[in-house]
Amino acid sequence: MSTRHVSWLETGKANPSREMVLVLASALDLPLRERNQLLLAADFAPAYAETPLDADAMADVRQALHLLMKGHEPHPVVVMNRAWDVICINRGFRVLHRAMTGLDLPPYALLERGPNLIDAFFVEYAPFLHDAADVLSHVLPRLRREAAREPTIARRLERWLGNAPTSFVSSERARVVVPIALRIEGALVRLFTTYTALGTPADITTEELSIEMFHPADAASAAFFRSERV
């Protein structure tokens, strides 16, 4: 396409075709949900479906999630949606959540009304965090980036942080990974996380799934999960 045509689209002198909207959305690397919104703004039907995770068409996705969570046992895994609502967990995460909240969640089952991890971080989990300010200083930038696209995250940050500074600075030296230290049942459990997403998604639901995998940061923390708790 010519720069002249792009200029006409920007100024409203020309209307984009459906194909042009999709090309522009791809060039901008927009999430699928936002590509649908762009199509609607141009008076076209959405191109991407949002299929419930419990639908028959999602059986392969559910199986893949199960394999990921099962393969990571005994260490925790949590699957969340774009708003950080918990969708499903494995037994390792069940141990953590039960120890900090007193509530039991069924592992591997799809949760209809799972807890929100942002709310849990500031309420139920907070008393167990060994250095909440340090953890927040590294989690907050990610939350603020995601809040720019997800209003519910923005509202939760406003609720819990109010007029707090937009960033926090850790007093410790730079590290390769930032462990999350939790005091649980008299033990100091140190964990770091990796983030996994499904590749080449063609459905809004699959694109917005995030899989947080927790890894023990030392031998004592690994032993905590090898016990009979899990």
C-alpha atoms as a PDB file:
ATOM      1  CA  MET A   1       0.000   0.000   0.000  1.00  0.00           C
ATOM      2  CA  SER A   2       1.218   3.497  -0.686  1.00  0.00           C
ATOM      3  CA  THR A   3       2.026   6.058   1.986  1.00  0.00           C
ATOM      4  CA  ARG A   4      -0.547   8.308   0.320  1.00  0.00           C
ATOM      5  CA  HIS A   5      -3.296   5.733   0.890  1.00  0.00           C
ATOM      6  CA  VAL A   6      -2.229   5.264   4.510  1.00  0.00           C
ATOM      7  CA  SER A   7      -2.414   9.026   4.963  1.00  0.00           C
ATOM      8  CA  TRP A   8      -5.935   9.069   3.513  1.00  0.00           C
ATOM      9  CA  LEU A   9      -6.962   6.338   5.951  1.00  0.00           C
ATOM     10  CA  GLU A  10      -5.510   8.307   8.858  1.00  0.00           C
ATOM     11  CA  THR A  11      -7.301  11.514   7.892  1.00  0.00           C
ATOM     12  CA  GLY A  12     -10.609   9.865   6.978  1.00  0.00           C
ATOM     13  CA  LYS A  13     -10.436  10.671   3.262  1.00  0.00           C
ATOM     14  CA  ALA A  14     -10.681   6.929   2.491  1.00  0.00           C
ATOM     15  CA  ASN A  15     -12.344   3.987   4.199  1.00  0.00           C
ATOM     16  CA  PRO A  16     -10.317   0.801   4.737  1.00  0.00           C
ATOM     17  CA  SER A  17     -11.448  -2.535   3.399  1.00  0.00           C
ATOM     18  CA  ARG A  18     -11.829  -5.465   5.792  1.00  0.00           C
ATOM     19  CA  GLU A  19      -8.568  -6.907   4.502  1.00  0.00           C
ATOM     20  CA  MET A  20      -6.827  -3.568   5.050  1.00  0.00           C
ATOM     21  CA  VAL A  21      -7.999  -3.425   8.674  1.00  0.00           C
ATOM     22  CA  LEU A  22      -6.607  -6.917   9.286  1.00  0.00           C
ATOM     23  CA  VAL A  23      -3.300  -6.035   7.593  1.00  0.00           C
ATOM     24  CA  LEU A  24      -2.912  -2.898   9.701  1.00  0.00           C
ATOM     25  CA  ALA A  25      -3.842  -4.775  12.890  1.00  0.00           C
ATOM     26  CA  SER A  26      -1.255  -7.439  12.085  1.00  0.00           C
ATOM     27  CA  ALA A  27       1.425  -4.832  11.344  1.00  0.00           C
ATOM     28  CA  LEU A  28       0.687  -3.188  14.699  1.00  0.00           C
ATOM     29  CA  ASP A  29       0.790  -6.616  16.392  1.00  0.00           C
ATOM     30  CA  LEU A  30      -2.515  -5.949  18.140  1.00  0.00           C
ATOM     31  CA  PRO A  31      -4.042  -8.628  20.388  1.00  0.00           C
ATOM     32  CA  LEU A  32      -6.948 -10.504  18.801  1.00  0.00           C
ATOM     33  CA  ARG A  33      -9.506  -8.791  21.025  1.00  0.00           C
ATOM     34  CA  GLU A  34      -8.304  -5.374  19.856  1.00  0.00           C
ATOM     35  CA  ARG A  35      -8.309  -6.522  16.224  1.00  0.00           C
ATOM     36  CA  ASN A  36     -11.990  -7.338  16.604  1.00  0.00           C
ATOM     37  CA  GLN A  37     -12.587  -3.896  18.114  1.00  0.00           C
ATOM     38  CA  LEU A  38     -10.801  -2.296  15.147  1.00  0.00           C
ATOM     39  CA  LEU A  39     -12.987  -4.241  12.727  1.00  0.00           C
ATOM     40  CA  LEU A  40     -16.136  -3.175  14.556  1.00  0.00           C
ATOM     41  CA  ALA A  41     -15.003   0.457  14.469  1.00  0.00           C
ATOM     42  CA  ALA A  42     -14.709   0.116  10.678  1.00  0.00           C
ATOM     43  CA  ASP A  43     -18.226  -1.436  10.470  1.00  0.00           C
ATOM     44  CA  PHE A  44     -17.010  -4.993   9.828  1.00  0.00           C
ATOM     45  CA  ALA A  45     -17.872  -8.174  11.680  1.00  0.00           C
ATOM     46  CA  PRO A  46     -15.293  -9.521  14.140  1.00  0.00           C
ATOM     47  CA  ALA A  47     -12.824 -12.037  12.728  1.00  0.00           C
ATOM     48  CA  TYR A  48     -11.834 -13.905  15.889  1.00  0.00           C
ATOM     49  CA  ALA A  49     -13.991 -16.055  18.140  1.00  0.00           C
ATOM     50  CA  GLU A  50     -13.876 -16.172  21.939  1.00  0.00           C
ATOM     51  CA  THR A  51     -14.602 -19.813  22.708  1.00  0.00           C
ATOM     52  CA  PRO A  52     -15.305 -20.860  26.323  1.00  0.00           C
ATOM     53  CA  LEU A  53     -12.519 -23.024  27.690  1.00  0.00           C
ATOM     54  CA  ASP A  54     -14.996 -25.752  28.644  1.00  0.00           C
ATOM     55  CA  ALA A  55     -16.315 -26.074  25.062  1.00  0.00           C
ATOM     56  CA  ASP A  56     -15.732 -29.278  23.098  1.00  0.00           C
ATOM     57  CA  ALA A  57     -13.589 -27.354  20.624  1.00  0.00           C
ATOM     58  CA  MET A  58     -11.173 -26.549  23.456  1.00  0.00           C
ATOM     59  CA  ALA A  59     -10.516 -30.166  24.439  1.00  0.00           C
ATOM     60  CA  ASP A  60      -6.978 -30.129  23.014  1.00  0.00           C
ATOM     61  CA  VAL A  61      -6.192 -26.877  24.834  1.00  0.00           C
ATOM     62  CA  ARG A  62      -7.441 -28.300  28.138  1.00  0.00           C
ATOM     63  CA  GLN A  63      -5.323 -31.405  27.580  1.00  0.00           C
ATOM     64  CA  ALA A  64      -2.243 -29.280  26.892  1.00  0.00           C
ATOM     65  CA  LEU A  65      -2.819 -27.281  30.085  1.00  0.00           C
ATOM     66  CA  HIS A  66      -3.255 -30.495  32.056  1.00  0.00           C
ATOM     67  CA  LEU A  67       0.036 -31.889  30.721  1.00  0.00           C
ATOM     68  CA  LEU A  68       1.896 -28.673  31.586  1.00  0.00           C
ATOM     69  CA  MET A  69       0.519 -28.570  35.112  1.00  0.00           C
ATOM     70  CA  LYS A  70       0.970 -32.279  35.737  1.00  0.00           C
ATOM     71  CA  GLY A  71       4.502 -32.289  34.370  1.00  0.00           C
ATOM     72  CA  HIS A  72       5.528 -29.493  36.735  1.00  0.00           C
ATOM     73  CA  GLU A  73       4.394 -31.284  39.887  1.00  0.00           C
ATOM     74  CA  PRO A  74       5.114 -31.051  42.742  1.00  0.00           C
ATOM     75  CA  HIS A  75       5.806 -27.374  42.069  1.00  0.00           C
ATOM     76  CA  PRO A  76       2.977 -24.844  41.656  1.00  0.00           C
ATOM     77  CA  VAL A  77       1.312 -23.837  38.383  1.00  0.00           C
ATOM     78  CA  VAL A  78      -1.611 -21.442  37.960  1.00  0.00           C
ATOM     79  CA  VAL A  79      -3.491 -20.638  34.742  1.00  0.00           C
ATOM     80  CA  MET A  80      -5.037 -17.156  34.558  1.00  0.00           C
ATOM     81  CA  ASN A  81      -7.068 -15.056  32.147  1.00  0.00           C
ATOM     82  CA  ARG A  82      -6.218 -11.516  31.059  1.00  0.00           C
ATOM     83  CA  ALA A  83      -7.610 -10.049  34.308  1.00  0.00           C
ATOM     84  CA  TRP A  84      -5.523 -12.401  36.518  1.00  0.00           C
ATOM     85  CA  ASP A  85      -8.570 -14.472  37.479  1.00  0.00           C
ATOM     86  CA  VAL A  86      -7.509 -18.031  38.295  1.00  0.00           C
ATOM     87  CA  ILE A  87      -8.881 -20.548  35.802  1.00  0.00           C
ATOM     88  CA  CYS A  88      -7.201 -23.744  36.985  1.00  0.00           C
ATOM     89  CA  ILE A  89      -4.332 -24.859  39.193  1.00  0.00           C
ATOM     90  CA  ASN A  90      -2.256 -27.922  39.934  1.00  0.00           C
ATOM     91  CA  ARG A  91      -1.692 -29.577  43.310  1.00  0.00           C
ATOM     92  CA  GLY A  92       1.419 -27.534  44.032  1.00  0.00           C
ATOM     93  CA  PHE A  93      -0.439 -24.239  43.800  1.00  0.00           C
ATOM     94  CA  ARG A  94      -3.289 -25.741  45.812  1.00  0.00           C
ATOM     95  CA  VAL A  95      -0.830 -26.180  48.715  1.00  0.00           C
ATOM     96  CA  LEU A  96       0.249 -22.527  48.588  1.00  0.00           C
ATOM     97  CA  HIS A  97      -3.258 -21.118  48.264  1.00  0.00           C
ATOM     98  CA  ARG A  98      -4.656 -23.300  51.045  1.00  0.00           C
ATOM     99  CA  ALA A  99      -1.799 -22.420  53.414  1.00  0.00           C
ATOM    100  CA  MET A 100      -2.288 -18.675  52.902  1.00  0.00           C
ATOM    101  CA  THR A 101      -6.074 -18.412  52.640  1.00  0.00           C
ATOM    102  CA  GLY A 102      -7.430 -21.490  54.421  1.00  0.00           C
ATOM    103  CA  LEU A 103      -9.498 -22.177  51.295  1.00  0.00           C
ATOM    104  CA  ASP A 104      -9.181 -25.311  49.208  1.00  0.00           C
ATOM    105  CA  LEU A 105      -9.344 -25.189  45.404  1.00  0.00           C
ATOM    106  CA  PRO A 106      -9.781 -28.362  43.330  1.00  0.00           C
ATOM    107  CA  PRO A 107      -6.660 -29.043  41.251  1.00  0.00           C
ATOM    108  CA  TYR A 108      -6.974 -29.504  37.476  1.00  0.00           C
ATOM    109  CA  ALA A 109     -10.658 -28.519  37.431  1.00  0.00           C
ATOM    110  CA  LEU A 110     -11.866 -25.455  35.505  1.00  0.00           C
ATOM    111  CA  LEU A 111     -12.878 -22.910  38.141  1.00  0.00           C
ATOM    112  CA  GLU A 112     -16.104 -21.066  37.395  1.00  0.00           C
ATOM    113  CA  ARG A 113     -15.340 -18.306  39.909  1.00  0.00           C
ATOM    114  CA  GLY A 114     -11.665 -18.588  40.740  1.00  0.00           C
ATOM    115  CA  PRO A 115      -9.879 -16.049  42.953  1.00  0.00           C
ATOM    116  CA  ASN A 116      -8.155 -13.033  41.458  1.00  0.00           C
ATOM    117  CA  LEU A 117      -4.414 -13.114  42.068  1.00  0.00           C
ATOM    118  CA  ILE A 118      -4.072  -9.325  42.213  1.00  0.00           C
ATOM    119  CA  ASP A 119      -6.628  -9.130  45.019  1.00  0.00           C
ATOM    120  CA  ALA A 120      -5.053 -12.144  46.739  1.00  0.00           C
ATOM    121  CA  PHE A 121      -1.587 -10.565  46.549  1.00  0.00           C
ATOM    122  CA  PHE A 122      -2.724  -7.454  48.415  1.00  0.00           C
ATOM    123  CA  VAL A 123      -5.015  -9.233  50.910  1.00  0.00           C
ATOM    124  CA  GLU A 124      -4.649 -12.959  51.701  1.00  0.00           C
ATOM    125  CA  TYR A 125      -1.074 -13.438  50.482  1.00  0.00           C
ATOM    126  CA  ALA A 126       0.363 -10.189  51.860  1.00  0.00           C
ATOM    127  CA  PRO A 127       0.919 -11.379  55.486  1.00  0.00           C
ATOM    128  CA  PHE A 128       2.984 -14.312  54.184  1.00  0.00           C
ATOM    129  CA  LEU A 129       5.288 -12.310  51.919  1.00  0.00           C
ATOM    130  CA  HIS A 130       8.757 -12.045  53.439  1.00  0.00           C
ATOM    131  CA  ASP A 131       9.494  -8.768  51.589  1.00  0.00           C
ATOM    132  CA  ALA A 132       6.290  -7.477  50.024  1.00  0.00           C
ATOM    133  CA  ALA A 133       7.801  -4.162  48.911  1.00  0.00           C
ATOM    134  CA  ASP A 134      10.622  -5.892  47.052  1.00  0.00           C
ATOM    135  CA  VAL A 135       8.241  -8.273  45.278  1.00  0.00           C
ATOM    136  CA  LEU A 136       5.886  -5.440  44.410  1.00  0.00           C
ATOM    137  CA  SER A 137       8.727  -3.400  42.935  1.00  0.00           C
ATOM    138  CA  HIS A 138       9.204  -6.100  40.307  1.00  0.00           C
ATOM    139  CA  VAL A 139       5.585  -7.175  39.812  1.00  0.00           C
ATOM    140  CA  LEU A 140       4.146  -3.675  39.532  1.00  0.00           C
ATOM    141  CA  PRO A 141       5.716  -2.727  36.163  1.00  0.00           C
ATOM    142  CA  ARG A 142       4.138  -5.801  34.565  1.00  0.00           C
ATOM    143  CA  LEU A 143       0.766  -5.017  36.127  1.00  0.00           C
ATOM    144  CA  ARG A 144       0.883  -1.425  34.924  1.00  0.00           C
ATOM    145  CA  ARG A 145       1.700  -2.521  31.358  1.00  0.00           C
ATOM    146  CA  GLU A 146      -1.222  -4.938  31.371  1.00  0.00           C
ATOM    147  CA  ALA A 147      -3.508  -2.351  33.006  1.00  0.00           C
ATOM    148  CA  ALA A 148      -3.133  -0.187  29.902  1.00  0.00           C
ATOM    149  CA  ARG A 149      -5.125  -2.820  27.989  1.00  0.00           C
ATOM    150  CA  GLU A 150      -7.265  -4.350  30.727  1.00  0.00           C
ATOM    151  CA  PRO A 151      -9.554  -1.962  32.658  1.00  0.00           C
ATOM    152  CA  THR A 152     -10.213  -4.430  35.487  1.00  0.00           C
ATOM    153  CA  ILE A 153      -6.488  -4.545  36.290  1.00  0.00           C
ATOM    154  CA  ALA A 154      -6.352  -0.739  36.286  1.00  0.00           C
ATOM    155  CA  ARG A 155      -9.292  -0.593  38.706  1.00  0.00           C
ATOM    156  CA  ARG A 156      -7.696  -3.131  41.031  1.00  0.00           C
ATOM    157  CA  LEU A 157      -4.411  -1.238  41.093  1.00  0.00           C
ATOM    158  CA  GLU A 158      -6.294   1.961  41.870  1.00  0.00           C
ATOM    159  CA  ARG A 159      -8.143   0.199  44.685  1.00  0.00           C
ATOM    160  CA  TRP A 160      -5.049  -1.240  46.352  1.00  0.00           C
ATOM    161  CA  LEU A 161      -2.411   1.364  45.557  1.00  0.00           C
ATOM    162  CA  GLY A 162      -4.407   4.595  45.342  1.00  0.00           C
ATOM    163  CA  ASN A 163      -1.930   7.430  44.933  1.00  0.00           C
ATOM    164  CA  ALA A 164       1.128   5.294  45.610  1.00  0.00           C
ATOM    165  CA  PRO A 165       4.236   5.934  43.516  1.00  0.00           C
ATOM    166  CA  THR A 166       4.171   4.524  39.990  1.00  0.00           C
ATOM    167  CA  SER A 167       7.310   2.508  40.691  1.00  0.00           C
ATOM    168  CA  PHE A 168       9.238   1.092  43.604  1.00  0.00           C
ATOM    169  CA  VAL A 169      12.988   0.685  43.848  1.00  0.00           C
ATOM    170  CA  SER A 170      14.466  -2.372  45.503  1.00  0.00           C
ATOM    171  CA  SER A 171      17.258  -1.693  47.959  1.00  0.00           C
ATOM    172  CA  GLU A 172      19.022  -4.935  47.101  1.00  0.00           C
ATOM    173  CA  ARG A 173      21.601  -5.488  44.399  1.00  0.00           C
ATOM    174  CA  ALA A 174      20.618  -6.651  40.941  1.00  0.00           C
ATOM    175  CA  ARG A 175      19.822 -10.367  40.704  1.00  0.00           C
ATOM    176  CA  VAL A 176      19.393 -12.875  37.919  1.00  0.00           C
ATOM    177  CA  VAL A 177      15.848 -13.662  39.084  1.00  0.00           C
ATOM    178  CA  VAL A 178      13.675 -12.118  41.777  1.00  0.00           C
ATOM    179  CA  PRO A 179      12.485 -14.788  44.224  1.00  0.00           C
ATOM    180  CA  ILE A 180       9.139 -14.541  45.962  1.00  0.00           C
ATOM    181  CA  ALA A 181       9.816 -15.449  49.571  1.00  0.00           C
ATOM    182  CA  LEU A 182       6.871 -16.776  51.587  1.00  0.00           C
ATOM    183  CA  ARG A 183       6.771 -17.742  55.264  1.00  0.00           C
ATOM    184  CA  ILE A 184       4.502 -20.788  55.370  1.00  0.00           C
ATOM    185  CA  GLU A 185       4.129 -23.220  58.262  1.00  0.00           C
ATOM    186  CA  GLY A 186       7.379 -21.993  59.803  1.00  0.00           C
ATOM    187  CA  ALA A 187       9.363 -22.461  56.589  1.00  0.00           C
ATOM    188  CA  LEU A 188      10.792 -19.808  54.266  1.00  0.00           C
ATOM    189  CA  VAL A 189       9.716 -20.883  50.784  1.00  0.00           C
ATOM    190  CA  ARG A 190      11.615 -19.057  48.044  1.00  0.00           C
ATOM    191  CA  LEU A 191      10.227 -19.258  44.521  1.00  0.00           C
ATOM    192  CA  PHE A 192      10.765 -17.647  41.141  1.00  0.00           C
ATOM    193  CA  THR A 193       8.359 -17.800  38.228  1.00  0.00           C
ATOM    194  CA  THR A 194       8.346 -18.337  34.493  1.00  0.00           C
ATOM    195  CA  TYR A 195       5.551 -17.213  32.225  1.00  0.00           C
ATOM    196  CA  THR A 196       4.177 -19.382  29.414  1.00  0.00           C
ATOM    197  CA  ALA A 197       1.637 -18.568  26.705  1.00  0.00           C
ATOM    198  CA  LEU A 198       0.093 -20.687  23.967  1.00  0.00           C
ATOM    199  CA  GLY A 199       1.814 -20.165  20.625  1.00  0.00           C
ATOM    200  CA  THR A 200       0.094 -18.961  17.424  1.00  0.00           C
ATOM    201  CA  PRO A 201      -3.366 -18.517  18.978  1.00  0.00           C
ATOM    202  CA  ALA A 202      -6.336 -18.051  16.641  1.00  0.00           C
ATOM    203  CA  ASP A 203      -8.950 -17.618  19.376  1.00  0.00           C
ATOM    204  CA  ILE A 204      -9.220 -14.807  21.929  1.00  0.00           C
ATOM    205  CA  THR A 205      -9.540 -17.230  24.846  1.00  0.00           C
ATOM    206  CA  THR A 206      -6.346 -19.099  24.000  1.00  0.00           C
ATOM    207  CA  GLU A 207      -4.403 -15.900  23.350  1.00  0.00           C
ATOM    208  CA  GLU A 208      -5.351 -14.440  26.725  1.00  0.00           C
ATOM    209  CA  LEU A 209      -4.400 -17.492  28.796  1.00  0.00           C
ATOM    210  CA  SER A 210      -1.260 -17.053  30.869  1.00  0.00           C
ATOM    211  CA  ILE A 211       0.456 -19.936  32.629  1.00  0.00           C
ATOM    212  CA  GLU A 212       2.561 -19.010  35.644  1.00  0.00           C
ATOM    213  CA  MET A 213       4.981 -21.754  36.697  1.00  0.00           C
ATOM    214  CA  PHE A 214       6.702 -21.503  40.084  1.00  0.00           C
ATOM    215  CA  HIS A 215      10.178 -22.964  40.630  1.00  0.00           C
ATOM    216  CA  PRO A 216      11.994 -23.493  43.944  1.00  0.00           C
ATOM    217  CA  ALA A 217      14.862 -21.033  44.363  1.00  0.00           C
ATOM    218  CA  ASP A 218      16.805 -23.237  46.795  1.00  0.00           C
ATOM    219  CA  ALA A 219      17.021 -26.792  48.093  1.00  0.00           C
ATOM    220  CA  ALA A 220      14.934 -26.114  51.204  1.00  0.00           C
ATOM    221  CA  SER A 221      12.076 -24.753  49.104  1.00  0.00           C
ATOM    222  CA  ALA A 222      12.233 -27.767  46.804  1.00  0.00           C
ATOM    223  CA  ALA A 223      12.001 -30.039  49.846  1.00  0.00           C
ATOM    224  CA  PHE A 224       8.875 -28.176  51.007  1.00  0.00           C
ATOM    225  CA  PHE A 225       6.996 -29.330  47.905  1.00  0.00           C
ATOM    226  CA  ARG A 226       8.412 -32.855  47.963  1.00  0.00           C
ATOM    227  CA  SER A 227       6.779 -33.437  51.334  1.00  0.00           C
ATOM    228  CA  GLU A 228       3.352 -35.018  51.791  1.00  0.00           C
ATOM    229  CA  ARG A 229       1.658 -31.616  51.568  1.00  0.00           C
ATOM    230  CA  VAL A 230       1.104 -32.035  47.807  1.00  0.00           C
END
